[in-house]
Amino acid sequence: MKIRHSLVGSAFAFLLATSCCWLQFVAVALGGAAGLSALSVGLEKYSGLLMVLGIGLAGWAGWLFWQKRKSRQSGSIVLQSLLTCPNCGFQKEETMPTDACRFFYECENCHVMLRPKAGDCCVFCSFGSVKCPPIQQGQGCC
């Protein structure tokens, strides 16, 4: 979502930066709207700043895309996590699912139903030795 926002922002900045070239033609096509022409002339002095803003936002979008792609290709996601029951201290190594969150987990020793703590997305993030795969990839909750 951040990539999309920065791309839209950069496109908007480029449109504003180049408005001195195209906005006057739009004004003529719409019947010679003097207000649009005046806006175009007023924005012309900011075109350099808007171009730099557009290039910066486009670069930021590229960097975010590259980081996301790099994290997917790294293959450093750990799928084994040691769950520790907060009630009895029993520990068991479990394999984390990659396609769903695990909201509930029953302790094999004391049969207490574990639920994620406030602010955590799953039982692995709350009681596991390793956070869930989406958190490891930096994608947020599963």
Protein backbone atom coordinates (compact mmCIF):
# COMPACT_ATOMS: atom_id res chain seq x y z
CA MET A 1 0.00 0.00 0.00
CA LYS A 2 2.88 2.38 0.74
CA ILE A 3 4.30 1.73 -2.73
CA ARG A 4 0.99 2.63 -4.35
CA HIS A 5 0.71 5.85 -2.30
CA SER A 6 4.20 7.00 -3.20
CA LEU A 7 3.65 6.23 -6.89
CA VAL A 8 0.38 8.19 -6.90
CA GLY A 9 2.09 11.04 -5.07
CA SER A 10 4.96 11.12 -7.56
CA ALA A 11 2.55 11.10 -10.52
CA PHE A 12 0.59 13.96 -8.95
CA ALA A 13 3.78 15.96 -8.33
CA PHE A 14 4.87 15.46 -11.96
CA LEU A 15 1.44 16.58 -13.19
CA LEU A 16 1.66 19.73 -11.08
CA ALA A 17 5.26 20.37 -12.12
CA THR A 18 4.43 20.18 -15.81
CA SER A 19 1.11 22.03 -15.56
CA CYS A 20 2.64 25.11 -17.19
CA CYS A 21 2.81 23.09 -20.40
CA TRP A 22 -0.53 21.28 -20.54
CA LEU A 23 -2.93 23.21 -18.32
CA GLN A 24 -3.25 26.10 -20.75
CA PHE A 25 -4.35 23.72 -23.51
CA VAL A 26 -6.97 22.25 -21.16
CA ALA A 27 -8.16 25.78 -20.38
CA VAL A 28 -8.56 26.57 -24.08
CA ALA A 29 -10.32 23.27 -24.72
CA LEU A 30 -12.76 24.02 -21.89
CA GLY A 31 -13.64 27.38 -23.34
CA GLY A 32 -10.76 29.58 -22.32
CA ALA A 33 -11.07 29.32 -18.55
CA ALA A 34 -8.90 32.17 -17.30
CA GLY A 35 -8.68 30.69 -13.80
CA LEU A 36 -6.91 27.55 -15.00
CA SER A 37 -4.51 29.61 -17.04
CA ALA A 38 -3.69 31.79 -14.03
CA LEU A 39 -3.18 28.67 -11.90
CA SER A 40 -0.80 27.31 -14.51
CA VAL A 41 1.28 30.47 -14.51
CA GLY A 42 1.27 30.52 -10.69
CA LEU A 43 2.51 26.93 -10.45
CA GLU A 44 5.29 27.52 -12.98
CA LYS A 45 7.60 29.05 -10.36
CA TYR A 46 7.27 25.85 -8.25
CA SER A 47 7.89 23.43 -11.12
CA GLY A 48 11.49 22.68 -10.06
CA LEU A 49 10.46 21.90 -6.50
CA LEU A 50 7.56 19.75 -7.69
CA MET A 51 9.85 17.86 -10.07
CA VAL A 52 12.27 17.10 -7.23
CA LEU A 53 9.32 15.99 -5.07
CA GLY A 54 8.07 13.73 -7.86
CA ILE A 55 11.48 12.18 -8.43
CA GLY A 56 11.90 11.67 -4.68
CA LEU A 57 8.53 9.95 -4.33
CA ALA A 58 9.20 7.75 -7.36
CA GLY A 59 12.59 6.81 -5.89
CA TRP A 60 11.00 6.01 -2.54
CA ALA A 61 8.43 3.77 -4.26
CA GLY A 62 11.25 1.97 -6.08
CA TRP A 63 13.17 1.50 -2.85
CA LEU A 64 10.07 0.10 -1.05
CA PHE A 65 9.42 -2.27 -3.96
CA TRP A 66 13.03 -3.43 -3.96
CA GLN A 67 13.01 -4.02 -0.19
CA LYS A 68 9.79 -6.03 -0.39
CA ARG A 69 11.12 -8.11 -3.26
CA LYS A 70 14.46 -8.63 -1.50
CA SER A 71 12.77 -9.86 1.67
CA ARG A 72 10.67 -12.35 -0.32
CA GLN A 73 13.70 -13.73 -2.15
CA SER A 74 15.95 -13.98 0.88
CA GLY A 75 14.40 -17.28 1.98
CA SER A 76 15.41 -16.64 5.58
CA ILE A 77 11.94 -17.31 6.99
CA VAL A 78 11.95 -19.65 9.97
CA LEU A 79 8.89 -21.91 10.14
CA GLN A 80 9.71 -23.69 13.42
CA SER A 81 8.80 -21.98 16.67
CA LEU A 82 8.98 -23.18 20.26
CA LEU A 83 5.64 -22.40 21.93
CA THR A 84 5.77 -21.95 25.70
CA CYS A 85 2.57 -22.22 27.74
CA PRO A 86 2.34 -19.26 30.16
CA ASN A 87 0.22 -21.35 32.54
CA CYS A 88 2.42 -24.41 33.10
CA GLY A 89 5.66 -23.64 31.21
CA PHE A 90 5.29 -26.65 28.87
CA GLN A 91 7.18 -26.16 25.60
CA LYS A 92 6.56 -27.73 22.23
CA GLU A 93 8.10 -27.03 18.84
CA GLU A 94 5.44 -26.37 16.22
CA THR A 95 5.55 -25.61 12.50
CA MET A 96 3.97 -22.26 11.67
CA PRO A 97 1.50 -22.10 8.79
CA THR A 98 2.48 -19.83 5.91
CA ASP A 99 -1.02 -19.30 4.56
CA ALA A 100 -3.04 -18.60 7.73
CA CYS A 101 -2.78 -17.28 11.29
CA ARG A 102 -3.09 -19.51 14.31
CA PHE A 103 -5.31 -17.68 16.77
CA PHE A 104 -5.86 -20.58 19.20
CA TYR A 105 -3.54 -23.25 20.53
CA GLU A 106 -4.31 -25.83 23.21
CA CYS A 107 -1.44 -26.70 25.54
CA GLU A 108 -0.87 -30.46 25.45
CA ASN A 109 0.12 -30.52 29.11
CA CYS A 110 -2.50 -28.46 30.98
CA HIS A 111 -5.08 -28.09 28.14
CA VAL A 112 -5.32 -24.30 28.52
CA MET A 113 -6.42 -22.57 25.31
CA LEU A 114 -3.82 -19.99 24.34
CA ARG A 115 -4.94 -16.81 22.55
CA PRO A 116 -2.77 -13.98 21.20
CA LYS A 117 -1.89 -11.18 23.62
CA ALA A 118 -3.25 -7.70 22.91
CA GLY A 119 -1.36 -6.21 19.98
CA ASP A 120 -0.13 -9.57 18.66
CA CYS A 121 -1.63 -11.25 15.60
CA CYS A 122 -1.26 -14.92 16.56
CA VAL A 123 -0.14 -17.32 19.29
CA PHE A 124 3.33 -17.62 17.71
CA CYS A 125 3.91 -13.88 18.09
CA SER A 126 2.74 -14.01 21.71
CA PHE A 127 4.16 -17.29 23.02
CA GLY A 128 6.60 -18.53 20.40
CA SER A 129 10.36 -18.29 20.17
CA VAL A 130 10.02 -16.98 16.59
CA LYS A 131 7.46 -14.51 15.23
CA CYS A 132 5.06 -15.66 12.49
CA PRO A 133 6.15 -15.63 8.79
CA PRO A 134 4.32 -12.39 7.81
CA ILE A 135 5.99 -10.50 10.69
CA GLN A 136 9.37 -11.99 9.71
CA GLN A 137 8.84 -10.67 6.17
CA GLY A 138 7.89 -7.23 7.46
CA GLN A 139 4.36 -7.44 6.07
CA GLY A 140 2.48 -6.89 9.31
CA CYS A 141 -0.15 -9.18 10.74
CA CYS A 142 -1.20 -12.34 8.96
